[in-house]
Amino acid sequence: MRAVVIYESMYGNTRQIAEAIAEGFGDNATTCAVAFVTDDDLAADFLVVGGPTHAHGMSRASTRKSAEDRIRLGQAEGHMDDHADLTTGVREWLESVDLTGRTAAAFDTRMHAPSIFTGRASKGIARRLRRAGATVIGEPTSFFVTKHAELADGELDRARAFGASLGARLSLRSAA
C-alpha cells in the first residue's frame, strides 16, 4: 500500500510534520508539496493532506502573502519554507481535484491554544477532501507550533505515531 503525504508549508513546520507522518507510515510513504502534486501521487492508495492554520482556517492567497510580508519586514520569526508557494495552497488544490474513490486523512499545524481561539485548518481540509470525493478516515489532527514559529516539543514524535496509526488502520481495512 502506497501513501503520499501532501502538504502546504509557509515556515517549514508543516513540511516537517508531513515528513514525520510519512516516516511513521513506513517505507511506502512519500511527501509532496501541494504545488507539485502529480497524477502519480494521486494514484496512491492513501492520501494524507495538511496545511497550516491561518486566520482560523485554511490558508488563502492573502494569508500566504501576509506570512511572507511579515517575515520580510521582520515582524515574524522564522523563514519561508523552500517549497512555499504563494499561489497554490491546499484550499485551491482541493477545489480543483477529483479524489473519488480515494481514502484520505487530514492534519494541520497551529498555535498551541484551544481551537476556539486558533481555528483548525484540518477540519476544513477534511470537509473539502469529502467534497472532492475522498473517504476520510480518522479525526482531523492538529500539530502545534510555538509563538516563535517553531514546532512544539514532541510534535515530530506525535506525527510519526499518527502516521504509524494510519498505516496500521489501513492495513487492517485492506485485510478485511
N, C-alpha and C. Protein backbone atom coordinates (compact mmCIF):
# COMPACT_ATOMS: atom_id res chain seq x y z
N MET A 1 0.84 -1.17 0.00
CA MET A 1 0.00 0.00 0.00
C MET A 1 0.89 1.24 0.00
N ARG A 2 0.61 2.15 -0.93
CA ARG A 2 1.42 3.35 -1.07
C ARG A 2 0.65 4.56 -0.56
N ALA A 3 1.33 5.40 0.21
CA ALA A 3 0.73 6.62 0.75
C ALA A 3 1.54 7.83 0.31
N VAL A 4 0.85 8.94 0.09
CA VAL A 4 1.50 10.21 -0.20
C VAL A 4 0.97 11.23 0.79
N VAL A 5 1.88 11.93 1.46
CA VAL A 5 1.52 13.00 2.38
C VAL A 5 1.70 14.31 1.62
N ILE A 6 0.60 14.96 1.33
CA ILE A 6 0.57 16.20 0.55
C ILE A 6 0.44 17.35 1.54
N TYR A 7 1.31 18.34 1.39
CA TYR A 7 1.32 19.41 2.38
C TYR A 7 1.52 20.77 1.74
N GLU A 8 1.10 21.77 2.49
CA GLU A 8 1.40 23.17 2.22
C GLU A 8 2.15 23.67 3.43
N SER A 9 3.25 24.40 3.22
CA SER A 9 4.03 24.88 4.36
C SER A 9 4.61 26.25 4.05
N MET A 10 4.43 27.17 4.97
CA MET A 10 4.99 28.51 4.79
C MET A 10 6.34 28.64 5.49
N TYR A 11 6.43 28.17 6.74
CA TYR A 11 7.64 28.34 7.53
C TYR A 11 8.46 27.05 7.67
N GLY A 12 7.95 25.94 7.12
CA GLY A 12 8.66 24.67 7.19
C GLY A 12 8.14 23.72 8.25
N ASN A 13 7.32 24.21 9.16
CA ASN A 13 6.81 23.33 10.22
C ASN A 13 5.87 22.26 9.68
N THR A 14 4.98 22.63 8.80
CA THR A 14 4.03 21.66 8.25
C THR A 14 4.78 20.64 7.39
N ARG A 15 5.81 21.08 6.67
CA ARG A 15 6.63 20.14 5.90
C ARG A 15 7.29 19.13 6.83
N GLN A 16 7.84 19.59 7.95
CA GLN A 16 8.48 18.67 8.90
C GLN A 16 7.47 17.67 9.47
N ILE A 17 6.27 18.13 9.75
CA ILE A 17 5.23 17.23 10.25
C ILE A 17 4.87 16.21 9.16
N ALA A 18 4.73 16.67 7.92
CA ALA A 18 4.41 15.76 6.80
C ALA A 18 5.48 14.69 6.66
N GLU A 19 6.74 15.09 6.76
CA GLU A 19 7.84 14.12 6.65
C GLU A 19 7.81 13.11 7.79
N ALA A 20 7.48 13.58 8.99
CA ALA A 20 7.39 12.67 10.14
C ALA A 20 6.21 11.70 9.99
N ILE A 21 5.09 12.19 9.47
CA ILE A 21 3.94 11.31 9.23
C ILE A 21 4.34 10.22 8.24
N ALA A 22 5.02 10.60 7.17
CA ALA A 22 5.46 9.63 6.17
C ALA A 22 6.43 8.62 6.78
N GLU A 23 7.34 9.08 7.64
CA GLU A 23 8.25 8.16 8.33
C GLU A 23 7.47 7.15 9.15
N GLY A 24 6.48 7.64 9.88
CA GLY A 24 5.68 6.76 10.73
C GLY A 24 4.86 5.77 9.92
N PHE A 25 4.42 6.20 8.74
CA PHE A 25 3.61 5.34 7.89
C PHE A 25 4.43 4.16 7.39
N GLY A 26 5.70 4.40 7.08
CA GLY A 26 6.56 3.31 6.63
C GLY A 26 7.23 3.58 5.29
N ASP A 27 7.87 2.53 4.78
CA ASP A 27 8.68 2.65 3.57
C ASP A 27 7.90 3.04 2.32
N ASN A 28 6.62 2.78 2.29
CA ASN A 28 5.83 3.06 1.10
C ASN A 28 5.13 4.41 1.15
N ALA A 29 5.68 5.34 1.91
CA ALA A 29 5.09 6.67 2.01
C ALA A 29 6.10 7.72 1.57
N THR A 30 5.60 8.72 0.85
CA THR A 30 6.43 9.83 0.41
C THR A 30 5.70 11.13 0.74
N THR A 31 6.40 12.24 0.58
CA THR A 31 5.79 13.55 0.79
C THR A 31 5.84 14.33 -0.51
N CYS A 32 4.93 15.29 -0.65
CA CYS A 32 4.90 16.13 -1.83
C CYS A 32 4.27 17.47 -1.47
N ALA A 33 4.96 18.56 -1.79
CA ALA A 33 4.37 19.89 -1.61
C ALA A 33 3.19 20.01 -2.56
N VAL A 34 2.11 20.61 -2.10
CA VAL A 34 0.86 20.65 -2.86
C VAL A 34 1.03 21.25 -4.25
N ALA A 35 1.92 22.19 -4.42
CA ALA A 35 2.12 22.82 -5.72
C ALA A 35 2.73 21.87 -6.75
N PHE A 36 3.26 20.72 -6.28
CA PHE A 36 3.96 19.80 -7.17
C PHE A 36 3.29 18.43 -7.28
N VAL A 37 2.04 18.30 -6.84
CA VAL A 37 1.34 17.02 -6.89
C VAL A 37 1.16 16.59 -8.35
N THR A 38 1.47 15.31 -8.61
CA THR A 38 1.33 14.75 -9.95
C THR A 38 0.21 13.71 -9.98
N ASP A 39 -0.13 13.26 -11.18
CA ASP A 39 -1.11 12.18 -11.32
C ASP A 39 -0.62 10.92 -10.63
N ASP A 40 0.69 10.68 -10.67
CA ASP A 40 1.25 9.50 -9.99
C ASP A 40 1.02 9.60 -8.48
N ASP A 41 1.18 10.79 -7.91
CA ASP A 41 0.90 10.97 -6.48
C ASP A 41 -0.56 10.65 -6.18
N LEU A 42 -1.45 11.10 -7.05
CA LEU A 42 -2.88 10.88 -6.83
C LEU A 42 -3.28 9.42 -7.01
N ALA A 43 -2.43 8.63 -7.63
CA ALA A 43 -2.71 7.20 -7.82
C ALA A 43 -2.39 6.39 -6.56
N ALA A 44 -1.86 7.03 -5.54
CA ALA A 44 -1.53 6.33 -4.29
C ALA A 44 -2.79 5.77 -3.66
N ASP A 45 -2.61 4.73 -2.85
CA ASP A 45 -3.73 4.11 -2.15
C ASP A 45 -4.31 5.01 -1.07
N PHE A 46 -3.48 5.87 -0.53
CA PHE A 46 -3.89 6.70 0.60
C PHE A 46 -3.23 8.06 0.53
N LEU A 47 -4.01 9.10 0.80
CA LEU A 47 -3.50 10.47 0.82
C LEU A 47 -3.68 11.05 2.21
N VAL A 48 -2.64 11.68 2.71
CA VAL A 48 -2.73 12.45 3.95
C VAL A 48 -2.48 13.89 3.53
N VAL A 49 -3.40 14.78 3.84
CA VAL A 49 -3.32 16.16 3.36
C VAL A 49 -3.31 17.11 4.54
N GLY A 50 -2.37 18.06 4.51
CA GLY A 50 -2.27 19.01 5.62
C GLY A 50 -1.75 20.36 5.22
N GLY A 51 -2.01 21.31 6.09
CA GLY A 51 -1.53 22.67 5.87
C GLY A 51 -1.57 23.45 7.17
N PRO A 52 -1.01 24.65 7.13
CA PRO A 52 -1.01 25.50 8.33
C PRO A 52 -2.37 26.14 8.54
N THR A 53 -2.64 26.47 9.79
CA THR A 53 -3.86 27.21 10.12
C THR A 53 -3.54 28.69 10.03
N HIS A 54 -4.27 29.38 9.17
CA HIS A 54 -4.13 30.83 9.00
C HIS A 54 -5.49 31.46 9.23
N ALA A 55 -5.57 32.47 10.04
CA ALA A 55 -6.82 33.21 10.25
C ALA A 55 -7.99 32.26 10.53
N HIS A 56 -7.77 31.32 11.45
CA HIS A 56 -8.77 30.36 11.93
C HIS A 56 -9.13 29.24 10.97
N GLY A 57 -8.46 29.12 9.84
CA GLY A 57 -8.80 28.06 8.90
C GLY A 57 -7.67 27.80 7.92
N MET A 58 -8.07 27.29 6.76
CA MET A 58 -7.10 27.01 5.72
C MET A 58 -6.54 28.32 5.16
N SER A 59 -5.30 28.27 4.72
CA SER A 59 -4.69 29.49 4.17
C SER A 59 -5.39 29.89 2.88
N ARG A 60 -5.24 31.15 2.54
CA ARG A 60 -5.71 31.72 1.28
C ARG A 60 -4.53 32.50 0.69
N ALA A 61 -4.65 32.90 -0.54
CA ALA A 61 -3.57 33.67 -1.17
C ALA A 61 -3.20 34.88 -0.32
N SER A 62 -4.20 35.55 0.23
CA SER A 62 -3.93 36.76 1.03
C SER A 62 -3.19 36.42 2.33
N THR A 63 -3.51 35.31 2.98
CA THR A 63 -2.83 34.98 4.23
C THR A 63 -1.41 34.46 3.97
N ARG A 64 -1.23 33.79 2.82
CA ARG A 64 0.14 33.35 2.46
C ARG A 64 1.02 34.57 2.17
N LYS A 65 0.46 35.55 1.47
CA LYS A 65 1.20 36.78 1.16
C LYS A 65 1.51 37.52 2.45
N SER A 66 0.57 37.57 3.36
CA SER A 66 0.77 38.23 4.64
C SER A 66 1.90 37.55 5.43
N ALA A 67 1.94 36.21 5.42
CA ALA A 67 3.01 35.48 6.11
C ALA A 67 4.37 35.84 5.51
N GLU A 68 4.43 35.90 4.19
CA GLU A 68 5.68 36.27 3.53
C GLU A 68 6.08 37.70 3.90
N ASP A 69 5.13 38.61 3.87
CA ASP A 69 5.42 40.01 4.20
C ASP A 69 5.90 40.16 5.64
N ARG A 70 5.29 39.42 6.57
CA ARG A 70 5.69 39.51 7.98
C ARG A 70 7.15 39.08 8.16
N ILE A 71 7.57 38.05 7.46
CA ILE A 71 8.96 37.62 7.55
C ILE A 71 9.88 38.65 6.92
N ARG A 72 9.52 39.10 5.73
CA ARG A 72 10.35 40.07 5.01
C ARG A 72 10.53 41.35 5.82
N LEU A 73 9.48 41.77 6.52
CA LEU A 73 9.53 43.01 7.30
C LEU A 73 10.07 42.81 8.72
N GLY A 74 10.44 41.58 9.05
CA GLY A 74 10.97 41.29 10.38
C GLY A 74 9.93 41.28 11.47
N GLN A 75 8.66 41.14 11.10
CA GLN A 75 7.57 41.12 12.08
C GLN A 75 7.26 39.71 12.57
N ALA A 76 7.90 38.72 11.98
CA ALA A 76 7.69 37.33 12.40
C ALA A 76 9.03 36.62 12.42
N GLU A 77 9.15 35.68 13.34
CA GLU A 77 10.37 34.88 13.41
C GLU A 77 10.30 33.78 12.37
N GLY A 78 11.44 33.22 12.05
CA GLY A 78 11.47 32.11 11.11
C GLY A 78 11.85 32.55 9.71
N HIS A 79 11.66 31.65 8.77
CA HIS A 79 11.97 31.91 7.37
C HIS A 79 10.97 31.16 6.50
N MET A 80 10.89 31.56 5.25
CA MET A 80 9.96 30.89 4.33
C MET A 80 10.49 29.51 3.98
N ASP A 81 9.60 28.55 3.91
CA ASP A 81 9.94 27.20 3.50
C ASP A 81 10.37 27.21 2.04
N ASP A 82 11.34 26.37 1.71
CA ASP A 82 11.84 26.31 0.33
C ASP A 82 10.74 25.93 -0.67
N HIS A 83 9.73 25.20 -0.23
CA HIS A 83 8.66 24.77 -1.12
C HIS A 83 7.40 25.60 -0.98
N ALA A 84 7.48 26.73 -0.29
CA ALA A 84 6.30 27.58 -0.13
C ALA A 84 5.89 28.12 -1.49
N ASP A 85 4.59 28.10 -1.74
CA ASP A 85 4.04 28.60 -3.00
C ASP A 85 2.91 29.55 -2.62
N LEU A 86 3.04 30.80 -3.02
CA LEU A 86 2.06 31.80 -2.61
C LEU A 86 0.75 31.70 -3.40
N THR A 87 0.74 30.96 -4.51
CA THR A 87 -0.46 30.90 -5.33
C THR A 87 -1.26 29.61 -5.13
N THR A 88 -0.58 28.49 -4.92
CA THR A 88 -1.29 27.21 -4.81
C THR A 88 -1.17 26.67 -3.39
N GLY A 89 -2.28 26.68 -2.69
CA GLY A 89 -2.34 26.09 -1.37
C GLY A 89 -3.28 24.90 -1.39
N VAL A 90 -3.43 24.26 -0.25
CA VAL A 90 -4.30 23.10 -0.13
C VAL A 90 -5.74 23.48 -0.51
N ARG A 91 -6.19 24.66 -0.10
CA ARG A 91 -7.55 25.12 -0.41
C ARG A 91 -7.78 25.12 -1.92
N GLU A 92 -6.90 25.76 -2.67
CA GLU A 92 -7.06 25.86 -4.12
C GLU A 92 -6.94 24.49 -4.79
N TRP A 93 -6.00 23.69 -4.31
CA TRP A 93 -5.80 22.37 -4.89
C TRP A 93 -7.04 21.50 -4.70
N LEU A 94 -7.60 21.50 -3.49
CA LEU A 94 -8.78 20.67 -3.23
C LEU A 94 -10.00 21.12 -4.02
N GLU A 95 -10.04 22.39 -4.41
CA GLU A 95 -11.15 22.87 -5.24
C GLU A 95 -11.03 22.39 -6.68
N SER A 96 -9.84 21.93 -7.08
CA SER A 96 -9.63 21.60 -8.49
C SER A 96 -9.36 20.13 -8.76
N VAL A 97 -9.42 19.27 -7.75
CA VAL A 97 -9.02 17.88 -7.93
C VAL A 97 -10.20 16.94 -7.65
N ASP A 98 -10.23 15.84 -8.39
CA ASP A 98 -11.24 14.81 -8.17
C ASP A 98 -10.58 13.66 -7.41
N LEU A 99 -11.04 13.40 -6.21
CA LEU A 99 -10.47 12.34 -5.37
C LEU A 99 -11.45 11.20 -5.16
N THR A 100 -12.38 11.05 -6.09
CA THR A 100 -13.37 9.98 -5.99
C THR A 100 -12.67 8.64 -5.86
N GLY A 101 -13.10 7.88 -4.85
CA GLY A 101 -12.54 6.55 -4.62
C GLY A 101 -11.26 6.54 -3.81
N ARG A 102 -10.74 7.68 -3.45
CA ARG A 102 -9.50 7.75 -2.66
C ARG A 102 -9.83 7.73 -1.17
N THR A 103 -8.90 7.23 -0.38
CA THR A 103 -9.00 7.26 1.07
C THR A 103 -8.00 8.29 1.56
N ALA A 104 -8.39 9.10 2.54
CA ALA A 104 -7.53 10.21 2.95
C ALA A 104 -7.69 10.51 4.44
N ALA A 105 -6.76 11.30 4.94
CA ALA A 105 -6.80 11.84 6.30
C ALA A 105 -6.33 13.28 6.23
N ALA A 106 -6.65 14.07 7.27
CA ALA A 106 -6.33 15.49 7.28
C ALA A 106 -5.56 15.86 8.55
N PHE A 107 -4.63 16.82 8.39
CA PHE A 107 -3.90 17.36 9.54
C PHE A 107 -3.62 18.83 9.31
N ASP A 108 -3.24 19.51 10.38
CA ASP A 108 -2.82 20.90 10.28
C ASP A 108 -1.73 21.19 11.29
N THR A 109 -1.16 22.36 11.17
CA THR A 109 -0.29 22.92 12.21
C THR A 109 -0.96 24.20 12.67
N ARG A 110 -0.85 24.45 13.97
CA ARG A 110 -1.46 25.66 14.54
C ARG A 110 -0.81 25.98 15.88
N MET A 111 -1.09 27.18 16.34
CA MET A 111 -0.61 27.58 17.66
C MET A 111 -1.23 26.66 18.71
N HIS A 112 -0.48 26.43 19.78
CA HIS A 112 -0.96 25.56 20.85
C HIS A 112 -1.84 26.37 21.79
N ALA A 113 -3.13 26.34 21.48
CA ALA A 113 -4.16 27.01 22.28
C ALA A 113 -5.48 26.35 21.90
N PRO A 114 -6.52 26.56 22.69
CA PRO A 114 -7.81 25.98 22.32
C PRO A 114 -8.22 26.39 20.91
N SER A 115 -8.78 25.46 20.16
CA SER A 115 -9.12 25.72 18.76
C SER A 115 -10.15 26.84 18.61
N ILE A 116 -10.91 27.12 19.65
CA ILE A 116 -11.85 28.24 19.58
C ILE A 116 -11.10 29.55 19.34
N PHE A 117 -9.85 29.62 19.80
CA PHE A 117 -9.05 30.83 19.63
C PHE A 117 -8.19 30.78 18.37
N THR A 118 -7.73 29.58 17.98
CA THR A 118 -6.80 29.46 16.86
C THR A 118 -7.45 29.04 15.56
N GLY A 119 -8.58 28.34 15.65
CA GLY A 119 -9.13 27.69 14.47
C GLY A 119 -8.36 26.41 14.20
N ARG A 120 -8.83 25.65 13.18
CA ARG A 120 -8.16 24.39 12.81
C ARG A 120 -8.33 24.18 11.32
N ALA A 121 -7.27 24.30 10.57
CA ALA A 121 -7.34 24.07 9.13
C ALA A 121 -7.73 22.64 8.82
N SER A 122 -7.38 21.69 9.68
CA SER A 122 -7.63 20.28 9.40
C SER A 122 -9.12 19.96 9.23
N LYS A 123 -9.97 20.66 9.94
CA LYS A 123 -11.41 20.42 9.78
C LYS A 123 -11.87 20.84 8.38
N GLY A 124 -11.41 21.98 7.92
CA GLY A 124 -11.75 22.43 6.56
C GLY A 124 -11.14 21.52 5.51
N ILE A 125 -9.94 21.04 5.76
CA ILE A 125 -9.29 20.11 4.82
C ILE A 125 -10.12 18.83 4.72
N ALA A 126 -10.52 18.28 5.84
CA ALA A 126 -11.32 17.05 5.83
C ALA A 126 -12.63 17.27 5.08
N ARG A 127 -13.28 18.39 5.33
CA ARG A 127 -14.55 18.70 4.66
C ARG A 127 -14.34 18.79 3.14
N ARG A 128 -13.27 19.44 2.73
CA ARG A 128 -13.01 19.59 1.29
C ARG A 128 -12.54 18.29 0.65
N LEU A 129 -11.84 17.46 1.42
CA LEU A 129 -11.48 16.13 0.91
C LEU A 129 -12.76 15.35 0.58
N ARG A 130 -13.74 15.41 1.47
CA ARG A 130 -15.02 14.72 1.24
C ARG A 130 -15.72 15.28 0.00
N ARG A 131 -15.74 16.61 -0.11
CA ARG A 131 -16.38 17.25 -1.27
C ARG A 131 -15.70 16.83 -2.58
N ALA A 132 -14.39 16.58 -2.52
CA ALA A 132 -13.64 16.16 -3.70
C ALA A 132 -13.82 14.67 -3.99
N GLY A 133 -14.56 13.97 -3.12
CA GLY A 133 -14.88 12.58 -3.36
C GLY A 133 -14.14 11.56 -2.52
N ALA A 134 -13.24 12.00 -1.65
CA ALA A 134 -12.45 11.07 -0.84
C ALA A 134 -13.24 10.57 0.36
N THR A 135 -12.88 9.38 0.81
CA THR A 135 -13.37 8.85 2.08
C THR A 135 -12.34 9.23 3.13
N VAL A 136 -12.74 10.01 4.11
CA VAL A 136 -11.81 10.48 5.14
C VAL A 136 -11.89 9.55 6.34
N ILE A 137 -10.72 9.06 6.76
CA ILE A 137 -10.68 8.21 7.95
C ILE A 137 -10.01 8.98 9.08
N GLY A 138 -10.38 8.65 10.28
CA GLY A 138 -9.79 9.30 11.45
C GLY A 138 -10.28 10.73 11.62
N GLU A 139 -9.96 11.27 12.75
CA GLU A 139 -10.31 12.65 13.07
C GLU A 139 -9.25 13.59 12.50
N PRO A 140 -9.66 14.77 12.03
CA PRO A 140 -8.66 15.78 11.65
C PRO A 140 -7.74 16.02 12.85
N THR A 141 -6.45 16.08 12.60
CA THR A 141 -5.47 16.14 13.68
C THR A 141 -4.62 17.40 13.58
N SER A 142 -4.38 18.04 14.72
CA SER A 142 -3.55 19.24 14.79
C SER A 142 -2.21 18.93 15.43
N PHE A 143 -1.17 19.58 14.91
CA PHE A 143 0.16 19.54 15.49
C PHE A 143 0.52 20.99 15.82
N PHE A 144 1.25 21.17 16.92
CA PHE A 144 1.37 22.50 17.48
C PHE A 144 2.72 23.17 17.26
N VAL A 145 2.64 24.49 17.05
CA VAL A 145 3.82 25.34 16.93
C VAL A 145 3.81 26.36 18.05
N THR A 146 4.98 26.87 18.37
CA THR A 146 5.12 27.88 19.41
C THR A 146 4.91 29.28 18.83
N LYS A 147 4.85 30.26 19.69
CA LYS A 147 4.72 31.64 19.23
C LYS A 147 5.97 32.11 18.48
N HIS A 148 7.03 31.32 18.55
CA HIS A 148 8.26 31.65 17.83
C HIS A 148 8.34 30.93 16.48
N ALA A 149 7.21 30.41 16.01
CA ALA A 149 7.11 29.73 14.71
C ALA A 149 8.01 28.50 14.63
N GLU A 150 8.08 27.77 15.74
CA GLU A 150 8.83 26.51 15.79
C GLU A 150 7.89 25.42 16.27
N LEU A 151 8.17 24.19 15.86
CA LEU A 151 7.36 23.08 16.35
C LEU A 151 7.51 22.94 17.86
N ALA A 152 6.41 22.68 18.53
CA ALA A 152 6.44 22.44 19.97
C ALA A 152 7.16 21.12 20.23
N ASP A 153 7.73 20.99 21.41
CA ASP A 153 8.42 19.76 21.79
C ASP A 153 7.50 18.55 21.65
N GLY A 154 8.05 17.49 21.09
CA GLY A 154 7.33 16.23 20.98
C GLY A 154 6.42 16.10 19.77
N GLU A 155 6.25 17.16 18.98
CA GLU A 155 5.30 17.09 17.87
C GLU A 155 5.77 16.18 16.73
N LEU A 156 7.07 16.11 16.48
CA LEU A 156 7.55 15.19 15.44
C LEU A 156 7.29 13.74 15.84
N ASP A 157 7.49 13.42 17.10
CA ASP A 157 7.19 12.06 17.58
C ASP A 157 5.69 11.78 17.47
N ARG A 158 4.88 12.76 17.81
CA ARG A 158 3.44 12.59 17.71
C ARG A 158 3.01 12.39 16.26
N ALA A 159 3.67 13.10 15.33
CA ALA A 159 3.36 12.95 13.91
C ALA A 159 3.76 11.56 13.40
N ARG A 160 4.90 11.06 13.85
CA ARG A 160 5.31 9.70 13.47
C ARG A 160 4.28 8.68 13.98
N ALA A 161 3.83 8.86 15.20
CA ALA A 161 2.83 7.96 15.77
C ALA A 161 1.51 8.06 15.00
N PHE A 162 1.14 9.25 14.59
CA PHE A 162 -0.06 9.46 13.78
C PHE A 162 0.06 8.69 12.46
N GLY A 163 1.22 8.82 11.80
CA GLY A 163 1.45 8.09 10.55
C GLY A 163 1.40 6.59 10.75
N ALA A 164 2.02 6.11 11.83
CA ALA A 164 2.01 4.66 12.12
C ALA A 164 0.60 4.18 12.37
N SER A 165 -0.20 4.97 13.09
CA SER A 165 -1.57 4.56 13.38
C SER A 165 -2.41 4.54 12.10
N LEU A 166 -2.21 5.50 11.20
CA LEU A 166 -2.93 5.47 9.93
C LEU A 166 -2.53 4.24 9.12
N GLY A 167 -1.22 3.96 9.07
CA GLY A 167 -0.75 2.79 8.33
C GLY A 167 -1.33 1.50 8.88
N ALA A 168 -1.38 1.37 10.19
CA ALA A 168 -1.95 0.17 10.82
C ALA A 168 -3.44 0.07 10.52
N ARG A 169 -4.13 1.17 10.60
CA ARG A 169 -5.57 1.19 10.35
C ARG A 169 -5.87 0.77 8.91
N LEU A 170 -5.07 1.27 7.98
CA LEU A 170 -5.28 0.91 6.58
C LEU A 170 -4.95 -0.55 6.30
N SER A 171 -3.92 -1.06 6.99
CA SER A 171 -3.57 -2.47 6.83
C SER A 171 -4.72 -3.36 7.29
N LEU A 172 -5.35 -2.97 8.40
CA LEU A 172 -6.48 -3.73 8.91
C LEU A 172 -7.67 -3.66 7.95
N ARG A 173 -7.90 -2.47 7.36
CA ARG A 173 -9.02 -2.31 6.42
C ARG A 173 -8.81 -3.17 5.18
N SER A 174 -7.56 -3.20 4.66
CA SER A 174 -7.31 -3.95 3.43
C SER A 174 -7.30 -5.45 3.69
N ALA A 175 -7.01 -5.87 4.93
CA ALA A 175 -7.02 -7.30 5.27
C ALA A 175 -8.44 -7.83 5.44
N ALA A 176 -9.36 -6.92 5.74
CA ALA A 176 -10.75 -7.34 5.99
C ALA A 176 -11.49 -7.72 4.73
